[in-house]
């Protein structure tokens, strides 16, 4: 199991909103929002069904980014 630098507070990331250019907030792993129990499940197991075909094989952690100004959200893949 790889280590995500964002999930573990080792690094911050700056992503600008594609709609209004405001800096977006990192809302954590996108898989945590799938259902009420996903935050407690094994990350590698969740990656097998996260909708990103190679996130597990390529060591990428999908993070939900949300714009505090316009509400736009998007998912970015962070290298573990």
C-alpha atoms as a PDB file:
ATOM      1  CA  UNK A   1       0.000   0.000   0.000  1.00  0.00           C
ATOM      2  CA  UNK A   2       1.378   3.366  -1.061  1.00  0.00           C
ATOM      3  CA  UNK A   3       1.322   6.566   0.967  1.00  0.00           C
ATOM      4  CA  UNK A   4      -0.603   9.595  -0.293  1.00  0.00           C
ATOM      5  CA  UNK A   5       1.215  12.814   0.680  1.00  0.00           C
ATOM      6  CA  UNK A   6      -2.055  14.788   0.840  1.00  0.00           C
ATOM      7  CA  UNK A   7      -3.975  12.263   2.929  1.00  0.00           C
ATOM      8  CA  UNK A   8      -1.089  12.112   5.386  1.00  0.00           C
ATOM      9  CA  UNK A   9      -0.456  15.857   5.631  1.00  0.00           C
ATOM     10  CA  UNK A  10       3.028  15.666   4.099  1.00  0.00           C
ATOM     11  CA  UNK A  11       2.263  18.057   1.268  1.00  0.00           C
ATOM     12  CA  UNK A  12      -0.317  20.600   0.184  1.00  0.00           C
ATOM     13  CA  UNK A  13      -1.436  21.147  -3.370  1.00  0.00           C
ATOM     14  CA  UNK A  14      -2.564  24.299  -5.149  1.00  0.00           C
ATOM     15  CA  UNK A  15      -5.241  23.754  -7.780  1.00  0.00           C
ATOM     16  CA  UNK A  16      -7.040  26.656  -9.426  1.00  0.00           C
ATOM     17  CA  UNK A  17     -10.708  26.378 -10.339  1.00  0.00           C
ATOM     18  CA  UNK A  18     -11.236  25.988 -14.074  1.00  0.00           C
ATOM     19  CA  UNK A  19     -14.406  28.095 -13.809  1.00  0.00           C
ATOM     20  CA  UNK A  20     -13.323  31.152 -11.772  1.00  0.00           C
ATOM     21  CA  UNK A  21      -9.553  30.715 -11.072  1.00  0.00           C
ATOM     22  CA  UNK A  22      -9.999  30.687  -7.275  1.00  0.00           C
ATOM     23  CA  UNK A  23      -7.756  28.310  -5.319  1.00  0.00           C
ATOM     24  CA  UNK A  24      -9.698  25.111  -4.642  1.00  0.00           C
ATOM     25  CA  UNK A  25      -9.983  23.308  -1.293  1.00  0.00           C
ATOM     26  CA  UNK A  26      -8.867  19.686  -0.928  1.00  0.00           C
ATOM     27  CA  UNK A  27     -11.835  17.746   0.464  1.00  0.00           C
ATOM     28  CA  UNK A  28      -9.944  14.450   0.789  1.00  0.00           C
ATOM     29  CA  UNK A  29     -10.181  11.123  -0.980  1.00  0.00           C
ATOM     30  CA  UNK A  30     -13.078  11.026  -3.422  1.00  0.00           C
ATOM     31  CA  UNK A  31     -13.830   7.444  -2.317  1.00  0.00           C
ATOM     32  CA  UNK A  32     -14.749   8.682   1.172  1.00  0.00           C
ATOM     33  CA  UNK A  33     -17.908  10.176  -0.345  1.00  0.00           C
ATOM     34  CA  UNK A  34     -19.118   6.999  -2.079  1.00  0.00           C
ATOM     35  CA  UNK A  35     -21.200   5.723   0.829  1.00  0.00           C
ATOM     36  CA  UNK A  36     -21.401   5.970   4.608  1.00  0.00           C
ATOM     37  CA  UNK A  37     -18.871   3.181   5.247  1.00  0.00           C
ATOM     38  CA  UNK A  38     -16.250   3.852   2.572  1.00  0.00           C
ATOM     39  CA  UNK A  39     -14.156   6.106   4.841  1.00  0.00           C
ATOM     40  CA  UNK A  40     -13.544   3.050   7.039  1.00  0.00           C
ATOM     41  CA  UNK A  41     -12.668   0.587   4.268  1.00  0.00           C
ATOM     42  CA  UNK A  42      -9.242  -0.379   2.914  1.00  0.00           C
ATOM     43  CA  UNK A  43      -8.082   2.181   0.331  1.00  0.00           C
ATOM     44  CA  UNK A  44      -6.622  -0.383  -2.087  1.00  0.00           C
ATOM     45  CA  UNK A  45      -9.914  -2.293  -2.119  1.00  0.00           C
ATOM     46  CA  UNK A  46     -11.842   0.912  -2.835  1.00  0.00           C
ATOM     47  CA  UNK A  47      -9.461   1.811  -5.671  1.00  0.00           C
ATOM     48  CA  UNK A  48     -10.489  -1.342  -7.509  1.00  0.00           C
ATOM     49  CA  UNK A  49     -13.940   0.229  -7.975  1.00  0.00           C
ATOM     50  CA  UNK A  50     -13.282   3.986  -7.905  1.00  0.00           C
ATOM     51  CA  UNK A  51     -13.928   4.601 -11.621  1.00  0.00           C
ATOM     52  CA  UNK A  52     -10.273   5.337 -12.410  1.00  0.00           C
ATOM     53  CA  UNK A  53      -8.981   2.309 -14.262  1.00  0.00           C
ATOM     54  CA  UNK A  54      -5.330   2.569 -13.218  1.00  0.00           C
ATOM     55  CA  UNK A  55      -5.392   4.396  -9.862  1.00  0.00           C
ATOM     56  CA  UNK A  56      -4.291   1.288  -7.954  1.00  0.00           C
ATOM     57  CA  UNK A  57      -1.727   0.068 -10.496  1.00  0.00           C
ATOM     58  CA  UNK A  58      -0.254   3.553 -11.037  1.00  0.00           C
ATOM     59  CA  UNK A  59      -0.224   4.496  -7.338  1.00  0.00           C
ATOM     60  CA  UNK A  60      -2.618   7.436  -7.620  1.00  0.00           C
ATOM     61  CA  UNK A  61      -5.010   8.733  -4.973  1.00  0.00           C
ATOM     62  CA  UNK A  62      -8.171  10.455  -6.310  1.00  0.00           C
ATOM     63  CA  UNK A  63      -8.875  13.662  -4.368  1.00  0.00           C
ATOM     64  CA  UNK A  64     -12.005  15.787  -4.492  1.00  0.00           C
ATOM     65  CA  UNK A  65     -11.234  19.475  -4.974  1.00  0.00           C
ATOM     66  CA  UNK A  66     -13.999  22.041  -4.390  1.00  0.00           C
ATOM     67  CA  UNK A  67     -14.048  25.752  -5.175  1.00  0.00           C
ATOM     68  CA  UNK A  68     -15.145  27.865  -2.196  1.00  0.00           C
ATOM     69  CA  UNK A  69     -16.287  30.683  -4.502  1.00  0.00           C
ATOM     70  CA  UNK A  70     -18.384  29.103  -7.251  1.00  0.00           C
ATOM     71  CA  UNK A  71     -18.909  25.572  -5.894  1.00  0.00           C
ATOM     72  CA  UNK A  72     -17.297  23.820  -8.879  1.00  0.00           C
ATOM     73  CA  UNK A  73     -15.699  20.493  -7.983  1.00  0.00           C
ATOM     74  CA  UNK A  74     -13.351  18.138  -9.746  1.00  0.00           C
ATOM     75  CA  UNK A  75     -11.243  15.107  -8.992  1.00  0.00           C
ATOM     76  CA  UNK A  76      -7.473  15.159  -9.348  1.00  0.00           C
ATOM     77  CA  UNK A  77      -5.145  12.160  -9.180  1.00  0.00           C
ATOM     78  CA  UNK A  78      -2.267  12.572  -6.729  1.00  0.00           C
ATOM     79  CA  UNK A  79       0.886  10.452  -7.087  1.00  0.00           C
ATOM     80  CA  UNK A  80       1.483   8.328  -3.999  1.00  0.00           C
END
